[in-house]
Protein backbone atom coordinates (compact mmCIF):
# COMPACT_ATOMS: atom_id res chain seq x y z
CA UNK A 1 -2.41 15.62 -2.41
CA UNK A 2 -4.76 12.67 -1.97
CA UNK A 3 -3.76 9.58 -3.95
CA UNK A 4 -5.72 6.42 -4.76
CA UNK A 5 -3.77 3.14 -4.77
CA UNK A 6 -6.05 0.31 -6.01
CA UNK A 7 -5.01 -3.10 -4.70
CA UNK A 8 -4.40 -5.70 -7.39
CA UNK A 9 -5.01 -8.43 -4.80
CA UNK A 10 -8.73 -8.09 -5.54
CA UNK A 11 -8.32 -8.11 -9.33
CA UNK A 12 -8.90 -10.93 -11.79
CA UNK A 13 -5.43 -12.49 -11.98
CA UNK A 14 -6.19 -13.85 -15.44
CA UNK A 15 -6.56 -10.28 -16.70
CA UNK A 16 -4.06 -8.25 -14.70
CA UNK A 17 -2.91 -6.25 -17.71
CA UNK A 18 -6.49 -5.20 -18.39
CA UNK A 19 -6.84 -4.34 -14.72
CA UNK A 20 -3.87 -1.99 -14.87
CA UNK A 21 -5.29 -0.29 -17.92
CA UNK A 22 -8.72 0.04 -16.30
CA UNK A 23 -7.49 1.82 -13.18
CA UNK A 24 -5.12 4.04 -15.17
CA UNK A 25 -8.03 5.03 -17.43
CA UNK A 26 -9.95 5.88 -14.27
CA UNK A 27 -7.23 8.28 -13.11
CA UNK A 28 -5.32 6.14 -10.61
CA UNK A 29 -1.61 6.97 -10.35
CA UNK A 30 -0.60 4.10 -8.05
CA UNK A 31 -1.10 0.34 -8.05
CA UNK A 32 -0.92 -1.41 -4.69
CA UNK A 33 0.84 -4.79 -4.73
CA UNK A 34 0.22 -6.99 -1.68
CA UNK A 35 2.95 -9.61 -1.31
CA UNK A 36 2.14 -12.37 1.23
CA UNK A 37 4.40 -15.29 2.08
CA UNK A 38 2.24 -17.67 4.13
CA UNK A 39 4.49 -17.08 7.16
CA UNK A 40 4.15 -13.49 8.28
CA UNK A 41 0.50 -13.76 7.29
CA UNK A 42 -1.46 -17.00 6.80
CA UNK A 43 -2.17 -16.42 3.12
CA UNK A 44 0.01 -16.53 -0.01
CA UNK A 45 -0.47 -14.08 -2.88
CA UNK A 46 2.26 -13.42 -5.46
CA UNK A 47 5.86 -12.31 -5.58
CA UNK A 48 8.73 -10.94 -7.60
CA UNK A 49 8.00 -12.57 -11.01
CA UNK A 50 4.42 -11.23 -11.07
CA UNK A 51 5.55 -7.71 -10.21
CA UNK A 52 8.25 -7.84 -12.90
CA UNK A 53 5.68 -9.04 -15.45
CA UNK A 54 3.25 -6.30 -14.46
CA UNK A 55 5.97 -3.69 -14.81
CA UNK A 56 6.74 -4.90 -18.33
CA UNK A 57 3.03 -4.91 -19.18
CA UNK A 58 2.58 -1.39 -17.82
CA UNK A 59 5.51 -0.17 -19.89
CA UNK A 60 4.16 -1.91 -23.01
CA UNK A 61 0.81 -0.20 -22.51
CA UNK A 62 2.46 3.16 -21.83
CA UNK A 63 1.07 3.36 -18.29
CA UNK A 64 3.04 5.53 -15.89
CA UNK A 65 1.83 3.86 -12.69
CA UNK A 66 3.70 4.01 -9.39
CA UNK A 67 4.27 0.44 -8.16
CA UNK A 68 3.38 0.59 -4.46
CA UNK A 69 4.64 -2.72 -3.06
CA UNK A 70 3.48 -3.85 0.39
CA UNK A 71 5.58 -6.68 1.78
CA UNK A 72 3.70 -8.85 4.25
CA UNK A 73 6.64 -11.21 4.57
CA UNK A 74 8.72 -12.55 7.43
CA UNK A 75 12.20 -11.51 6.22
CA UNK A 76 11.89 -8.34 4.15
CA UNK A 77 15.59 -7.44 4.31
CA UNK A 78 16.48 -10.54 2.30
CA UNK A 79 14.40 -9.54 -0.73
CA UNK A 80 14.58 -5.74 -0.95
CA UNK A 81 16.96 -5.67 -3.92
CA UNK A 82 14.87 -8.23 -5.82
CA UNK A 83 11.67 -6.23 -5.39
CA UNK A 84 13.46 -3.05 -6.41
CA UNK A 85 14.82 -4.73 -9.54
CA UNK A 86 11.36 -6.10 -10.35
CA UNK A 87 10.06 -2.55 -10.69
CA UNK A 88 8.75 -1.49 -7.29
CA UNK A 89 8.83 2.28 -6.75
CA UNK A 90 7.78 2.21 -3.09
CA UNK A 91 8.70 -0.73 -0.87
CA UNK A 92 6.80 -0.99 2.40
CA UNK A 93 7.53 -3.59 5.06
CA UNK A 94 6.12 -4.30 8.51
CA UNK A 95 7.60 -3.18 11.80
CA UNK A 96 6.33 -6.50 13.19
CA UNK A 97 8.72 -8.32 10.84
CA UNK A 98 11.75 -6.47 12.24
CA UNK A 99 13.98 -7.43 15.15
CA UNK A 100 14.02 -3.85 16.41
CA UNK A 101 13.43 -0.25 15.28
CA UNK A 102 17.13 -0.05 14.38
CA UNK A 103 16.67 -3.07 12.12
CA UNK A 104 13.80 -1.28 10.37
CA UNK A 105 15.97 1.79 9.86
CA UNK A 106 18.70 -0.33 8.25
CA UNK A 107 16.19 -1.82 5.83
CA UNK A 108 14.91 1.66 4.98
CA UNK A 109 18.45 2.83 4.25
CA UNK A 110 18.92 -0.15 1.94
CA UNK A 111 15.72 0.75 0.09
CA UNK A 112 16.84 4.36 -0.27
CA UNK A 113 20.26 3.26 -1.54
CA UNK A 114 18.48 1.52 -4.41
CA UNK A 115 16.72 4.75 -5.36
CA UNK A 116 13.31 3.67 -4.04
CA UNK A 117 10.96 5.11 -1.45
CA UNK A 118 10.63 3.29 1.87
CA UNK A 119 7.42 2.69 3.79
CA UNK A 120 6.84 1.25 7.26
CA UNK A 121 3.61 -0.61 7.97
CA UNK A 122 1.94 -1.16 11.32
CA UNK A 123 -0.79 -3.68 12.16
CA UNK A 124 -4.09 -2.70 13.81
CA UNK A 125 -3.19 -4.04 17.24
CA UNK A 126 0.43 -2.83 17.35
CA UNK A 127 1.08 0.29 19.41
CA UNK A 128 2.04 3.39 17.46
CA UNK A 129 5.03 3.59 19.81
CA UNK A 130 6.62 0.84 17.69
CA UNK A 131 7.30 3.34 14.89
CA UNK A 132 7.01 6.75 16.56
CA UNK A 133 10.78 7.12 17.02
CA UNK A 134 11.68 6.14 13.44
CA UNK A 135 8.81 7.39 11.26
CA UNK A 136 10.85 10.41 10.17
CA UNK A 137 13.29 8.05 8.39
CA UNK A 138 10.55 6.86 6.05
CA UNK A 139 8.77 8.35 3.05
CA UNK A 140 5.47 6.74 4.02
CA UNK A 141 3.75 5.08 6.96
CA UNK A 142 1.09 2.47 6.23
CA UNK A 143 -1.59 2.11 8.89
CA UNK A 144 -3.35 -1.21 8.45
CA UNK A 145 -7.07 -0.81 9.09
CA UNK A 146 -7.69 -4.55 8.88
CA UNK A 147 -5.70 -7.55 10.07
CA UNK A 148 -3.29 -8.22 7.18
CA UNK A 149 -3.48 -11.31 5.05
CA UNK A 150 -6.98 -11.38 3.62
CA UNK A 151 -9.07 -9.13 1.39
CA UNK A 152 -12.65 -8.02 1.97
CA UNK A 153 -12.46 -7.41 5.73
CA UNK A 154 -14.33 -4.76 7.69
CA UNK A 155 -12.65 -1.45 8.56
CA UNK A 156 -11.29 -1.18 12.13
CA UNK A 157 -12.19 2.39 13.16
CA UNK A 158 -9.80 2.43 16.13
CA UNK A 159 -6.86 2.53 13.72
CA UNK A 160 -7.76 6.11 12.85
CA UNK A 161 -6.07 7.18 16.09
CA UNK A 162 -2.72 6.04 14.71
CA UNK A 163 -3.29 8.07 11.57
CA UNK A 164 -4.22 11.17 13.57
CA UNK A 165 -1.09 10.78 15.69
CA UNK A 166 1.16 10.42 12.66
CA UNK A 167 -0.35 13.40 10.84
CA UNK A 168 -0.01 15.61 13.92
CA UNK A 169 3.58 14.62 14.64
CA UNK A 170 4.87 14.09 11.08
CA UNK A 171 3.00 16.65 8.96
CA UNK A 172 5.07 16.02 5.82
CA UNK A 173 4.87 12.22 5.93
CA UNK A 174 2.79 10.33 3.38
CA UNK A 175 0.27 8.31 5.37
CA UNK A 176 -1.42 5.35 3.74
CA UNK A 177 -4.40 3.41 5.06
CA UNK A 178 -5.22 -0.06 3.81
CA UNK A 179 -8.20 -2.28 4.52
CA UNK A 180 -11.96 -2.05 4.39
CA UNK A 181 -12.07 1.44 2.86
CA UNK A 182 -15.07 2.37 0.74
CA UNK A 183 -17.10 5.45 -0.17
CA UNK A 184 -18.91 5.08 3.15
CA UNK A 185 -15.81 5.73 5.29
CA UNK A 186 -13.53 7.57 2.86
CA UNK A 187 -14.31 10.95 4.41
CA UNK A 188 -13.29 9.98 7.94
CA UNK A 189 -10.09 8.33 6.70
CA UNK A 190 -9.00 11.46 4.85
CA UNK A 191 -10.09 13.70 7.73
CA UNK A 192 -7.85 11.66 10.06
CA UNK A 193 -4.86 12.60 7.93
CA UNK A 194 -4.35 9.76 5.47
CA UNK A 195 -3.45 10.93 1.97
CA UNK A 196 -2.79 7.62 0.17
CA UNK A 197 -5.80 5.34 0.16
CA UNK A 198 -5.75 1.65 -0.72
CA UNK A 199 -9.01 0.28 -2.12
CA UNK A 200 -9.29 -3.30 -3.30
CA UNK A 201 -12.57 -5.18 -3.64
CA UNK A 202 -14.57 -1.93 -3.67
CA UNK A 203 -12.96 -1.20 -7.04
CA UNK A 204 -11.89 -4.50 -8.59
CA UNK A 205 -15.04 -6.21 -7.34
CA UNK A 206 -17.19 -4.00 -9.55
CA UNK A 207 -18.21 -4.77 -13.12
CA UNK A 208 -16.84 -1.46 -14.42
CA UNK A 209 -13.45 -0.95 -12.80
CA UNK A 210 -12.66 2.25 -14.72
CA UNK A 211 -15.88 3.97 -13.68
CA UNK A 212 -15.44 2.91 -10.05
CA UNK A 213 -11.85 4.15 -10.05
CA UNK A 214 -13.02 7.50 -11.41
CA UNK A 215 -15.59 7.76 -8.63
CA UNK A 216 -12.90 7.40 -5.95
CA UNK A 217 -10.46 9.74 -7.65
CA UNK A 218 -13.19 12.34 -8.00
CA UNK A 219 -14.34 11.97 -4.40
CA UNK A 220 -10.79 12.28 -3.08
CA UNK A 221 -10.27 15.50 -5.02
CA UNK A 222 -13.41 17.03 -3.53
CA UNK A 223 -12.72 16.13 0.09
C-alpha cells in the first residue's frame, strides 16, 4: 500500500495543530517529523518537546496519525527512548551517524524493545552497500533523494537506483523516499519501488493544504 507522509518541516510552525488537521482531512495517515541538530546536518529544526506537544494536540483533535520521526542527529542512540516517549511511532536514524552496521542494528533493537518501528536512512551519496547487509533488521528504509538538512531542494534522480535495489532484494520492506518529490516525479518514485512518500513544501507550501493532500493521496491510489 502506498502511503503519504507530509513533512511538517514545511508547515507554518505557528499553526501546527491546524496543519495536522488539514493533512488528516486530506486523507494522510502519517506525519513526517524531521529532527535536525545542527551537527549531523547544518540546520536546526525541532526536537522532543515539539513532538510531544504535537502528539497531545493530535489526540485532543481525535487524529489517528502515525508519527514518522526522522532523526538527522549525530548521536541517535542517546535519544531513542525520549523520542519514543514523546509519541513517535516510527523512529528512523541515519547509517552515516553510526559507528558501524552492528551499531545500527543495536539501535534498531532498542527501538523495537520500546514497541516502535525502526527505520534506517541513507544519504544520496552513500553507497547502498552501507545498509545492504542489515536492511532486513528494519521495518523501513529511507532513501534520501536530496542532501539532508534543508527543505525545498531538487530531486536527485540517481537515488532511484537505491530504491530499485532495496525493492528487488527486500520485497516486504517499507521503502520511503524523502526530498524533492512532487506530482511531476511521483510516478517514477513509486515505479522504482518506494511505497511511503514524504512531501513537504509541495503540500504545506500551498494555500489549501487539505486539497493538496487529497490530490497526492488520490494520485498514489491510482498509480
